[in-house]
Amino acid sequence: MTRTESAERVEEDGDAELIRRSHDDPEWFAGIFDRYVRQIHRYAARRLGTQAADDIAAETFLIAFRRRASYDLTQRLARPWLYGIATRLIARHRRSEERFLRALCRTGRDPLPEPMADAVVDRVAAQEKDRVLAGALAGLSRGDRDVLLLVAWGDLSYEEVAEALGIPVGTVRSRLHRARRKTRASLGNDDPTRQDA
């Protein structure tokens, strides 16, 4: 099998194949990093700010690399596993996250940089709503906030959130319902985190 054929096979087999191959040749794990580092970094940045996200993303992949031998190879996609690791790391930074959300509530400044023209227009229009949303997020329990942000910012399915957090899908649904209800109430029944089907 040529390298091209080998790379195509890995693409077809998914993340589990990359992780399996990394047991013998650690360089294969770079494929997992390349696929998910931006998503994990963006999720962490939304939760804790860009500076902390650098550390969270790096630590997430370091932990994943060290634990790759225990990865369940029947799980084709590593995304929920990685988000689970990142969410647990973020929980360690919970106090920082809550301070960050309270500061965002006061200032209305989003942690992610945007192009200047878009930023000026968007920030003027959304500054007050960002403050209210940040206040609502800061007021949620950690479990409810984790579920809401994994769905809204991590773009994970209910099943992926359940896998990432090690909880039943029913718990994901109830936490998400509660978190959405509280954020809608804080935003005057306008829920920007809702993903319409």
N, C-alpha and C. Protein backbone atom coordinates (compact mmCIF):
# COMPACT_ATOMS: atom_id res chain seq x y z
N MET A 1 0.85 -1.18 0.00
CA MET A 1 0.00 0.00 0.00
C MET A 1 0.89 1.24 0.00
N THR A 2 0.61 2.18 -0.89
CA THR A 2 1.40 3.41 -0.96
C THR A 2 1.00 4.35 0.17
N ARG A 3 1.80 5.40 0.38
CA ARG A 3 1.47 6.39 1.42
C ARG A 3 0.14 7.08 1.12
N THR A 4 -0.11 7.36 -0.16
CA THR A 4 -1.37 8.01 -0.54
C THR A 4 -2.54 7.11 -0.22
N GLU A 5 -2.43 5.82 -0.60
CA GLU A 5 -3.50 4.87 -0.29
C GLU A 5 -3.67 4.74 1.22
N SER A 6 -2.56 4.73 1.94
CA SER A 6 -2.61 4.64 3.39
C SER A 6 -3.32 5.85 3.99
N ALA A 7 -3.00 7.05 3.51
CA ALA A 7 -3.64 8.27 4.00
C ALA A 7 -5.13 8.27 3.69
N GLU A 8 -5.51 7.78 2.48
CA GLU A 8 -6.93 7.71 2.12
C GLU A 8 -7.66 6.73 3.02
N ARG A 9 -7.02 5.61 3.34
CA ARG A 9 -7.65 4.61 4.22
C ARG A 9 -7.88 5.20 5.61
N VAL A 10 -6.90 5.93 6.12
CA VAL A 10 -7.03 6.55 7.43
C VAL A 10 -8.19 7.55 7.41
N GLU A 11 -8.31 8.31 6.33
CA GLU A 11 -9.41 9.27 6.21
C GLU A 11 -10.75 8.56 6.26
N GLU A 12 -10.86 7.43 5.57
CA GLU A 12 -12.10 6.66 5.55
C GLU A 12 -12.39 6.05 6.92
N ASP A 13 -11.36 5.56 7.59
CA ASP A 13 -11.54 4.89 8.87
C ASP A 13 -11.76 5.86 10.02
N GLY A 14 -11.38 7.09 9.84
CA GLY A 14 -11.63 8.09 10.86
C GLY A 14 -10.53 8.20 11.91
N ASP A 15 -10.89 8.90 12.98
CA ASP A 15 -9.95 9.22 14.04
C ASP A 15 -9.42 7.98 14.75
N ALA A 16 -10.27 6.99 14.93
CA ALA A 16 -9.85 5.79 15.64
C ALA A 16 -8.65 5.13 14.96
N GLU A 17 -8.63 5.15 13.64
CA GLU A 17 -7.50 4.55 12.92
C GLU A 17 -6.22 5.36 13.14
N LEU A 18 -6.34 6.67 13.15
CA LEU A 18 -5.16 7.50 13.45
C LEU A 18 -4.62 7.20 14.84
N ILE A 19 -5.52 7.10 15.80
CA ILE A 19 -5.10 6.82 17.17
C ILE A 19 -4.49 5.42 17.27
N ARG A 20 -5.11 4.45 16.61
CA ARG A 20 -4.56 3.09 16.62
C ARG A 20 -3.15 3.08 16.05
N ARG A 21 -2.97 3.76 14.93
CA ARG A 21 -1.64 3.80 14.30
C ARG A 21 -0.63 4.55 15.17
N SER A 22 -1.11 5.51 15.94
CA SER A 22 -0.19 6.29 16.78
C SER A 22 0.38 5.46 17.93
N HIS A 23 -0.22 4.32 18.23
CA HIS A 23 0.33 3.45 19.27
C HIS A 23 1.74 3.00 18.89
N ASP A 24 1.93 2.67 17.62
CA ASP A 24 3.24 2.22 17.13
C ASP A 24 4.10 3.36 16.60
N ASP A 25 3.45 4.35 16.02
CA ASP A 25 4.17 5.49 15.44
C ASP A 25 3.48 6.78 15.91
N PRO A 26 3.98 7.40 16.98
CA PRO A 26 3.31 8.56 17.58
C PRO A 26 3.04 9.72 16.62
N GLU A 27 3.76 9.78 15.51
CA GLU A 27 3.55 10.88 14.57
C GLU A 27 2.14 10.87 13.96
N TRP A 28 1.48 9.71 13.94
CA TRP A 28 0.12 9.64 13.40
C TRP A 28 -0.85 10.49 14.23
N PHE A 29 -0.54 10.71 15.50
CA PHE A 29 -1.43 11.50 16.35
C PHE A 29 -1.52 12.94 15.88
N ALA A 30 -0.54 13.39 15.12
CA ALA A 30 -0.59 14.76 14.58
C ALA A 30 -1.84 14.97 13.74
N GLY A 31 -2.36 13.91 13.12
CA GLY A 31 -3.59 14.02 12.34
C GLY A 31 -4.78 14.41 13.22
N ILE A 32 -4.84 13.87 14.43
CA ILE A 32 -5.90 14.23 15.38
C ILE A 32 -5.75 15.70 15.76
N PHE A 33 -4.54 16.10 16.08
CA PHE A 33 -4.27 17.49 16.43
C PHE A 33 -4.70 18.42 15.29
N ASP A 34 -4.27 18.11 14.07
CA ASP A 34 -4.59 18.96 12.92
C ASP A 34 -6.09 19.07 12.70
N ARG A 35 -6.82 18.00 12.90
CA ARG A 35 -8.27 18.00 12.67
C ARG A 35 -9.03 18.84 13.69
N TYR A 36 -8.58 18.85 14.94
CA TYR A 36 -9.42 19.39 16.01
C TYR A 36 -8.84 20.55 16.80
N VAL A 37 -7.61 20.92 16.61
CA VAL A 37 -7.02 21.95 17.47
C VAL A 37 -7.76 23.28 17.36
N ARG A 38 -8.15 23.68 16.17
CA ARG A 38 -8.86 24.96 16.03
C ARG A 38 -10.20 24.94 16.74
N GLN A 39 -10.94 23.81 16.62
CA GLN A 39 -12.24 23.71 17.27
C GLN A 39 -12.10 23.77 18.80
N ILE A 40 -11.14 23.00 19.32
CA ILE A 40 -10.94 22.97 20.76
C ILE A 40 -10.48 24.34 21.26
N HIS A 41 -9.57 24.98 20.53
CA HIS A 41 -9.08 26.29 20.92
C HIS A 41 -10.22 27.32 20.92
N ARG A 42 -11.02 27.29 19.87
CA ARG A 42 -12.14 28.25 19.79
C ARG A 42 -13.13 28.05 20.93
N TYR A 43 -13.44 26.80 21.23
CA TYR A 43 -14.35 26.48 22.34
C TYR A 43 -13.77 27.00 23.66
N ALA A 44 -12.50 26.72 23.90
CA ALA A 44 -11.86 27.17 25.14
C ALA A 44 -11.79 28.70 25.20
N ALA A 45 -11.53 29.34 24.06
CA ALA A 45 -11.46 30.80 24.03
C ALA A 45 -12.81 31.42 24.37
N ARG A 46 -13.87 30.82 23.88
CA ARG A 46 -15.21 31.33 24.20
C ARG A 46 -15.51 31.17 25.68
N ARG A 47 -14.95 30.13 26.28
CA ARG A 47 -15.21 29.87 27.70
C ARG A 47 -14.31 30.68 28.62
N LEU A 48 -13.03 30.84 28.26
CA LEU A 48 -12.06 31.42 29.20
C LEU A 48 -11.26 32.59 28.65
N GLY A 49 -11.38 32.88 27.36
CA GLY A 49 -10.56 33.93 26.76
C GLY A 49 -9.40 33.30 26.00
N THR A 50 -8.85 34.06 25.07
CA THR A 50 -7.83 33.55 24.17
C THR A 50 -6.57 33.09 24.88
N GLN A 51 -6.12 33.85 25.85
CA GLN A 51 -4.88 33.51 26.53
C GLN A 51 -4.98 32.15 27.22
N ALA A 52 -6.04 31.91 27.97
CA ALA A 52 -6.22 30.62 28.65
C ALA A 52 -6.47 29.51 27.64
N ALA A 53 -7.10 29.84 26.51
CA ALA A 53 -7.40 28.83 25.50
C ALA A 53 -6.14 28.20 24.93
N ASP A 54 -5.09 28.98 24.80
CA ASP A 54 -3.82 28.43 24.32
C ASP A 54 -3.37 27.29 25.23
N ASP A 55 -3.43 27.53 26.52
CA ASP A 55 -3.03 26.51 27.49
C ASP A 55 -3.98 25.33 27.50
N ILE A 56 -5.28 25.60 27.46
CA ILE A 56 -6.28 24.53 27.49
C ILE A 56 -6.13 23.64 26.26
N ALA A 57 -6.01 24.24 25.09
CA ALA A 57 -5.87 23.44 23.86
C ALA A 57 -4.60 22.60 23.92
N ALA A 58 -3.51 23.20 24.32
CA ALA A 58 -2.25 22.44 24.39
C ALA A 58 -2.36 21.30 25.39
N GLU A 59 -2.93 21.58 26.55
CA GLU A 59 -3.05 20.55 27.58
C GLU A 59 -4.04 19.46 27.16
N THR A 60 -5.09 19.83 26.46
CA THR A 60 -6.05 18.84 25.97
C THR A 60 -5.37 17.81 25.09
N PHE A 61 -4.57 18.28 24.15
CA PHE A 61 -3.91 17.35 23.23
C PHE A 61 -2.77 16.59 23.89
N LEU A 62 -2.13 17.20 24.86
CA LEU A 62 -1.09 16.48 25.61
C LEU A 62 -1.72 15.33 26.40
N ILE A 63 -2.82 15.60 27.08
CA ILE A 63 -3.52 14.55 27.83
C ILE A 63 -4.03 13.48 26.88
N ALA A 64 -4.63 13.90 25.78
CA ALA A 64 -5.15 12.92 24.80
C ALA A 64 -4.02 12.04 24.27
N PHE A 65 -2.89 12.66 23.97
CA PHE A 65 -1.75 11.88 23.47
C PHE A 65 -1.30 10.87 24.51
N ARG A 66 -1.20 11.30 25.75
CA ARG A 66 -0.75 10.40 26.82
C ARG A 66 -1.75 9.27 27.08
N ARG A 67 -3.02 9.55 26.86
CA ARG A 67 -4.07 8.56 27.13
C ARG A 67 -4.55 7.82 25.88
N ARG A 68 -3.87 7.99 24.77
CA ARG A 68 -4.35 7.42 23.52
C ARG A 68 -4.46 5.90 23.57
N ALA A 69 -3.65 5.25 24.37
CA ALA A 69 -3.71 3.78 24.47
C ALA A 69 -5.03 3.32 25.09
N SER A 70 -5.67 4.18 25.87
CA SER A 70 -6.95 3.80 26.50
C SER A 70 -8.16 4.28 25.69
N TYR A 71 -7.93 4.91 24.54
CA TYR A 71 -9.03 5.38 23.71
C TYR A 71 -9.85 4.20 23.19
N ASP A 72 -11.16 4.32 23.23
CA ASP A 72 -12.07 3.28 22.74
C ASP A 72 -12.07 3.33 21.21
N LEU A 73 -11.38 2.40 20.60
CA LEU A 73 -11.22 2.40 19.15
C LEU A 73 -12.51 2.08 18.39
N THR A 74 -13.58 1.71 19.10
CA THR A 74 -14.86 1.54 18.44
C THR A 74 -15.53 2.88 18.17
N GLN A 75 -15.02 3.94 18.80
CA GLN A 75 -15.54 5.29 18.58
C GLN A 75 -14.78 5.89 17.40
N ARG A 76 -15.46 6.01 16.26
CA ARG A 76 -14.81 6.47 15.03
C ARG A 76 -14.28 7.89 15.15
N LEU A 77 -15.03 8.76 15.82
CA LEU A 77 -14.63 10.16 15.94
C LEU A 77 -14.12 10.47 17.35
N ALA A 78 -13.01 11.15 17.42
CA ALA A 78 -12.39 11.51 18.70
C ALA A 78 -12.92 12.84 19.23
N ARG A 79 -13.74 13.52 18.49
CA ARG A 79 -14.21 14.85 18.87
C ARG A 79 -14.86 14.89 20.25
N PRO A 80 -15.83 14.01 20.57
CA PRO A 80 -16.42 14.07 21.91
C PRO A 80 -15.40 13.81 23.02
N TRP A 81 -14.48 12.89 22.78
CA TRP A 81 -13.43 12.58 23.74
C TRP A 81 -12.58 13.82 24.01
N LEU A 82 -12.19 14.52 22.96
CA LEU A 82 -11.37 15.72 23.11
C LEU A 82 -12.14 16.84 23.81
N TYR A 83 -13.41 17.03 23.44
CA TYR A 83 -14.21 18.06 24.11
C TYR A 83 -14.42 17.71 25.58
N GLY A 84 -14.53 16.43 25.90
CA GLY A 84 -14.64 16.01 27.29
C GLY A 84 -13.40 16.37 28.08
N ILE A 85 -12.24 16.11 27.50
CA ILE A 85 -10.98 16.47 28.16
C ILE A 85 -10.91 17.98 28.35
N ALA A 86 -11.23 18.73 27.30
CA ALA A 86 -11.18 20.19 27.37
C ALA A 86 -12.16 20.72 28.41
N THR A 87 -13.35 20.16 28.47
CA THR A 87 -14.35 20.63 29.42
C THR A 87 -13.90 20.37 30.85
N ARG A 88 -13.28 19.22 31.11
CA ARG A 88 -12.76 18.95 32.46
C ARG A 88 -11.63 19.91 32.81
N LEU A 89 -10.78 20.24 31.85
CA LEU A 89 -9.73 21.22 32.11
C LEU A 89 -10.32 22.60 32.38
N ILE A 90 -11.35 22.94 31.64
CA ILE A 90 -12.02 24.22 31.84
C ILE A 90 -12.65 24.27 33.23
N ALA A 91 -13.18 23.14 33.68
CA ALA A 91 -13.78 23.09 35.02
C ALA A 91 -12.75 23.46 36.09
N ARG A 92 -11.50 23.07 35.85
CA ARG A 92 -10.44 23.44 36.79
C ARG A 92 -10.24 24.96 36.80
N HIS A 93 -10.55 25.56 35.70
CA HIS A 93 -10.41 27.02 35.57
C HIS A 93 -11.75 27.73 35.82
N ARG A 94 -12.67 27.04 36.47
CA ARG A 94 -14.04 27.55 36.62
C ARG A 94 -14.07 28.94 37.25
N ARG A 95 -13.31 29.14 38.28
CA ARG A 95 -13.32 30.45 38.91
C ARG A 95 -12.87 31.53 37.93
N SER A 96 -11.86 31.20 37.13
CA SER A 96 -11.41 32.15 36.11
C SER A 96 -12.51 32.40 35.08
N GLU A 97 -13.20 31.32 34.70
CA GLU A 97 -14.28 31.45 33.72
C GLU A 97 -15.39 32.35 34.27
N GLU A 98 -15.75 32.13 35.53
CA GLU A 98 -16.82 32.94 36.11
C GLU A 98 -16.40 34.40 36.21
N ARG A 99 -15.14 34.66 36.59
CA ARG A 99 -14.64 36.04 36.61
C ARG A 99 -14.66 36.62 35.20
N PHE A 100 -14.24 35.81 34.20
CA PHE A 100 -14.23 36.25 32.81
C PHE A 100 -15.65 36.61 32.35
N LEU A 101 -16.63 35.75 32.66
CA LEU A 101 -18.01 36.02 32.24
C LEU A 101 -18.57 37.26 32.94
N ARG A 102 -18.23 37.42 34.20
CA ARG A 102 -18.70 38.62 34.91
C ARG A 102 -18.05 39.89 34.32
N ALA A 103 -16.78 39.80 33.94
CA ALA A 103 -16.13 40.94 33.29
C ALA A 103 -16.76 41.22 31.93
N LEU A 104 -17.07 40.16 31.18
CA LEU A 104 -17.75 40.32 29.90
C LEU A 104 -19.12 40.95 30.10
N CYS A 105 -19.78 40.55 31.17
CA CYS A 105 -21.09 41.13 31.49
C CYS A 105 -20.95 42.63 31.74
N ARG A 106 -19.89 43.03 32.44
CA ARG A 106 -19.67 44.45 32.73
C ARG A 106 -19.22 45.23 31.51
N THR A 107 -18.32 44.64 30.70
CA THR A 107 -17.71 45.39 29.61
C THR A 107 -18.35 45.16 28.25
N GLY A 108 -18.95 43.98 28.05
CA GLY A 108 -19.52 43.65 26.76
C GLY A 108 -18.50 43.27 25.72
N ARG A 109 -17.24 43.04 26.10
CA ARG A 109 -16.17 42.72 25.15
C ARG A 109 -16.06 41.21 24.98
N ASP A 110 -16.25 40.73 23.77
CA ASP A 110 -16.11 39.32 23.43
C ASP A 110 -14.63 38.98 23.33
N PRO A 111 -14.22 37.78 23.77
CA PRO A 111 -12.80 37.45 23.78
C PRO A 111 -12.20 37.14 22.41
N LEU A 112 -13.02 36.85 21.41
CA LEU A 112 -12.47 36.45 20.11
C LEU A 112 -12.29 37.66 19.20
N PRO A 113 -11.09 37.84 18.67
CA PRO A 113 -10.87 38.96 17.77
C PRO A 113 -11.60 38.75 16.45
N GLU A 114 -12.06 39.85 15.85
CA GLU A 114 -12.74 39.82 14.56
C GLU A 114 -12.11 40.87 13.66
N PRO A 115 -12.37 40.80 12.36
CA PRO A 115 -11.90 41.87 11.47
C PRO A 115 -12.45 43.22 11.95
N MET A 116 -11.66 44.27 11.82
CA MET A 116 -12.00 45.58 12.39
C MET A 116 -13.35 46.11 11.94
N ALA A 117 -13.66 46.09 10.67
CA ALA A 117 -14.94 46.64 10.20
C ALA A 117 -16.11 45.88 10.78
N ASP A 118 -16.02 44.55 10.76
CA ASP A 118 -17.09 43.73 11.34
C ASP A 118 -17.21 43.97 12.83
N ALA A 119 -16.07 44.09 13.48
CA ALA A 119 -16.07 44.26 14.93
C ALA A 119 -16.77 45.55 15.34
N VAL A 120 -16.51 46.64 14.64
CA VAL A 120 -17.12 47.92 15.00
C VAL A 120 -18.63 47.84 14.88
N VAL A 121 -19.12 47.39 13.74
CA VAL A 121 -20.56 47.32 13.52
C VAL A 121 -21.22 46.34 14.48
N ASP A 122 -20.65 45.15 14.57
CA ASP A 122 -21.24 44.12 15.42
C ASP A 122 -21.22 44.49 16.89
N ARG A 123 -20.14 45.06 17.34
CA ARG A 123 -20.03 45.37 18.76
C ARG A 123 -21.00 46.47 19.18
N VAL A 124 -21.16 47.46 18.33
CA VAL A 124 -22.11 48.53 18.66
C VAL A 124 -23.51 47.94 18.79
N ALA A 125 -23.88 47.06 17.86
CA ALA A 125 -25.23 46.48 17.87
C ALA A 125 -25.42 45.45 18.98
N ALA A 126 -24.39 44.70 19.30
CA ALA A 126 -24.55 43.55 20.20
C ALA A 126 -23.98 43.74 21.60
N GLN A 127 -23.37 44.87 21.88
CA GLN A 127 -22.68 45.04 23.16
C GLN A 127 -23.59 44.78 24.36
N GLU A 128 -24.76 45.35 24.36
CA GLU A 128 -25.65 45.16 25.50
C GLU A 128 -26.13 43.72 25.61
N LYS A 129 -26.44 43.11 24.48
CA LYS A 129 -26.90 41.71 24.50
C LYS A 129 -25.78 40.79 24.98
N ASP A 130 -24.52 41.08 24.59
CA ASP A 130 -23.39 40.29 25.08
C ASP A 130 -23.28 40.37 26.59
N ARG A 131 -23.47 41.56 27.13
CA ARG A 131 -23.40 41.73 28.58
C ARG A 131 -24.48 40.91 29.27
N VAL A 132 -25.67 40.97 28.75
CA VAL A 132 -26.77 40.23 29.36
C VAL A 132 -26.54 38.72 29.24
N LEU A 133 -26.08 38.27 28.06
CA LEU A 133 -25.80 36.86 27.87
C LEU A 133 -24.68 36.39 28.79
N ALA A 134 -23.63 37.18 28.92
CA ALA A 134 -22.53 36.80 29.81
C ALA A 134 -23.01 36.70 31.24
N GLY A 135 -23.87 37.62 31.65
CA GLY A 135 -24.44 37.54 32.99
C GLY A 135 -25.28 36.29 33.18
N ALA A 136 -26.05 35.95 32.15
CA ALA A 136 -26.88 34.73 32.22
C ALA A 136 -25.99 33.49 32.30
N LEU A 137 -24.92 33.45 31.51
CA LEU A 137 -24.01 32.30 31.53
C LEU A 137 -23.32 32.18 32.89
N ALA A 138 -22.90 33.31 33.44
CA ALA A 138 -22.24 33.28 34.74
C ALA A 138 -23.19 32.77 35.83
N GLY A 139 -24.48 33.00 35.64
CA GLY A 139 -25.47 32.57 36.64
C GLY A 139 -25.88 31.11 36.54
N LEU A 140 -25.47 30.42 35.48
CA LEU A 140 -25.82 29.01 35.33
C LEU A 140 -24.91 28.13 36.19
N SER A 141 -25.43 26.97 36.57
CA SER A 141 -24.58 26.01 37.26
C SER A 141 -23.51 25.53 36.27
N ARG A 142 -22.41 25.00 36.79
CA ARG A 142 -21.33 24.54 35.91
C ARG A 142 -21.82 23.46 34.96
N GLY A 143 -22.61 22.50 35.44
CA GLY A 143 -23.12 21.43 34.59
C GLY A 143 -24.00 21.94 33.47
N ASP A 144 -24.91 22.86 33.81
CA ASP A 144 -25.79 23.44 32.79
C ASP A 144 -25.00 24.25 31.78
N ARG A 145 -24.03 25.04 32.27
CA ARG A 145 -23.21 25.87 31.37
C ARG A 145 -22.37 24.99 30.45
N ASP A 146 -21.78 23.91 30.99
CA ASP A 146 -20.98 23.01 30.15
C ASP A 146 -21.81 22.44 29.01
N VAL A 147 -23.02 21.95 29.32
CA VAL A 147 -23.88 21.36 28.29
C VAL A 147 -24.27 22.41 27.26
N LEU A 148 -24.72 23.56 27.71
CA LEU A 148 -25.15 24.62 26.80
C LEU A 148 -24.01 25.04 25.85
N LEU A 149 -22.82 25.23 26.38
CA LEU A 149 -21.72 25.72 25.56
C LEU A 149 -21.13 24.64 24.67
N LEU A 150 -21.19 23.38 25.09
CA LEU A 150 -20.76 22.30 24.19
C LEU A 150 -21.68 22.21 22.98
N VAL A 151 -22.97 22.45 23.19
CA VAL A 151 -23.92 22.43 22.07
C VAL A 151 -23.79 23.70 21.24
N ALA A 152 -23.78 24.86 21.90
CA ALA A 152 -23.81 26.14 21.18
C ALA A 152 -22.47 26.52 20.58
N TRP A 153 -21.41 26.37 21.32
CA TRP A 153 -20.10 26.81 20.84
C TRP A 153 -19.25 25.66 20.33
N GLY A 154 -19.45 24.46 20.87
CA GLY A 154 -18.70 23.30 20.41
C GLY A 154 -19.36 22.60 19.26
N ASP A 155 -20.66 22.90 19.04
CA ASP A 155 -21.45 22.31 17.96
C ASP A 155 -21.52 20.79 18.07
N LEU A 156 -21.59 20.28 19.31
CA LEU A 156 -21.71 18.85 19.54
C LEU A 156 -23.18 18.45 19.59
N SER A 157 -23.46 17.23 19.17
CA SER A 157 -24.81 16.68 19.28
C SER A 157 -25.07 16.31 20.74
N TYR A 158 -26.32 16.02 21.08
CA TYR A 158 -26.64 15.60 22.44
C TYR A 158 -25.85 14.35 22.82
N GLU A 159 -25.74 13.43 21.89
CA GLU A 159 -25.01 12.18 22.15
C GLU A 159 -23.53 12.45 22.38
N GLU A 160 -22.96 13.37 21.59
CA GLU A 160 -21.55 13.72 21.76
C GLU A 160 -21.31 14.42 23.09
N VAL A 161 -22.24 15.28 23.50
CA VAL A 161 -22.12 15.94 24.80
C VAL A 161 -22.18 14.90 25.92
N ALA A 162 -23.11 13.97 25.80
CA ALA A 162 -23.23 12.91 26.81
C ALA A 162 -21.92 12.13 26.92
N GLU A 163 -21.36 11.80 25.77
CA GLU A 163 -20.09 11.07 25.76
C GLU A 163 -18.96 11.91 26.33
N ALA A 164 -18.91 13.18 25.96
CA ALA A 164 -17.84 14.07 26.42
C ALA A 164 -17.87 14.25 27.94
N LEU A 165 -19.07 14.35 28.51
CA LEU A 165 -19.19 14.62 29.94
C LEU A 165 -19.42 13.36 30.77
N GLY A 166 -19.65 12.23 30.10
CA GLY A 166 -19.89 10.99 30.83
C GLY A 166 -21.21 10.99 31.57
N ILE A 167 -22.25 11.54 30.93
CA ILE A 167 -23.59 11.60 31.53
C ILE A 167 -24.60 11.05 30.54
N PRO A 168 -25.78 10.64 31.01
CA PRO A 168 -26.80 10.14 30.09
C PRO A 168 -27.33 11.25 29.17
N VAL A 169 -27.83 10.85 28.01
CA VAL A 169 -28.40 11.80 27.05
C VAL A 169 -29.59 12.53 27.68
N GLY A 170 -30.37 11.84 28.49
CA GLY A 170 -31.50 12.48 29.17
C GLY A 170 -31.06 13.63 30.06
N THR A 171 -29.92 13.47 30.72
CA THR A 171 -29.38 14.54 31.56
C THR A 171 -28.94 15.71 30.70
N VAL A 172 -28.36 15.42 29.54
CA VAL A 172 -27.98 16.48 28.61
C VAL A 172 -29.22 17.27 28.22
N ARG A 173 -30.28 16.56 27.86
CA ARG A 173 -31.51 17.24 27.45
C ARG A 173 -32.09 18.11 28.56
N SER A 174 -32.14 17.59 29.79
CA SER A 174 -32.72 18.38 30.87
C SER A 174 -31.84 19.58 31.23
N ARG A 175 -30.52 19.38 31.23
CA ARG A 175 -29.63 20.51 31.53
C ARG A 175 -29.72 21.58 30.43
N LEU A 176 -29.78 21.14 29.19
CA LEU A 176 -29.87 22.08 28.09
C LEU A 176 -31.20 22.85 28.14
N HIS A 177 -32.26 22.14 28.43
CA HIS A 177 -33.57 22.79 28.54
C HIS A 177 -33.55 23.86 29.64
N ARG A 178 -33.00 23.49 30.79
CA ARG A 178 -32.94 24.42 31.93
C ARG A 178 -32.05 25.62 31.58
N ALA A 179 -30.90 25.36 30.97
CA ALA A 179 -29.98 26.46 30.62
C ALA A 179 -30.60 27.39 29.59
N ARG A 180 -31.27 26.82 28.60
CA ARG A 180 -31.92 27.66 27.58
C ARG A 180 -33.04 28.48 28.18
N ARG A 181 -33.82 27.87 29.07
CA ARG A 181 -34.92 28.59 29.71
C ARG A 181 -34.37 29.80 30.48
N LYS A 182 -33.29 29.58 31.23
CA LYS A 182 -32.71 30.67 32.01
C LYS A 182 -32.10 31.75 31.12
N THR A 183 -31.42 31.35 30.05
CA THR A 183 -30.82 32.37 29.18
C THR A 183 -31.91 33.13 28.42
N ARG A 184 -32.96 32.42 27.99
CA ARG A 184 -34.07 33.11 27.32
C ARG A 184 -34.70 34.14 28.25
N ALA A 185 -34.89 33.76 29.50
CA ALA A 185 -35.49 34.69 30.46
C ALA A 185 -34.60 35.92 30.63
N SER A 186 -33.30 35.72 30.69
CA SER A 186 -32.37 36.84 30.84
C SER A 186 -32.32 37.72 29.60
N LEU A 187 -32.58 37.12 28.44
CA LEU A 187 -32.51 37.86 27.17
C LEU A 187 -33.88 38.29 26.67
N GLY A 188 -34.87 38.21 27.51
CA GLY A 188 -36.22 38.59 27.09
C GLY A 188 -36.78 37.61 26.09
N ASN A 189 -36.57 36.31 26.32
CA ASN A 189 -37.08 35.20 25.49
C ASN A 189 -36.43 35.10 24.13
N ASP A 190 -35.28 35.75 23.91
CA ASP A 190 -34.52 35.63 22.67
C ASP A 190 -33.29 34.80 22.97
N ASP A 191 -33.24 33.57 22.46
CA ASP A 191 -32.14 32.63 22.78
C ASP A 191 -31.19 32.51 21.60
N PRO A 192 -30.04 33.23 21.61
CA PRO A 192 -29.11 33.16 20.49
C PRO A 192 -28.34 31.85 20.43
N THR A 193 -28.43 31.01 21.47
CA THR A 193 -27.70 29.74 21.46
C THR A 193 -28.51 28.62 20.84
N ARG A 194 -29.76 28.85 20.54
CA ARG A 194 -30.63 27.78 20.02
C ARG A 194 -30.22 27.43 18.60
N GLN A 195 -30.11 26.13 18.36
CA GLN A 195 -29.81 25.62 17.02
C GLN A 195 -31.12 25.13 16.43
N ASP A 196 -31.64 25.88 15.49
CA ASP A 196 -32.90 25.45 14.87
C ASP A 196 -32.65 24.31 13.94
N ALA A 197 -33.53 23.30 14.01
CA ALA A 197 -33.37 22.11 13.18
C ALA A 197 -33.90 22.36 11.79
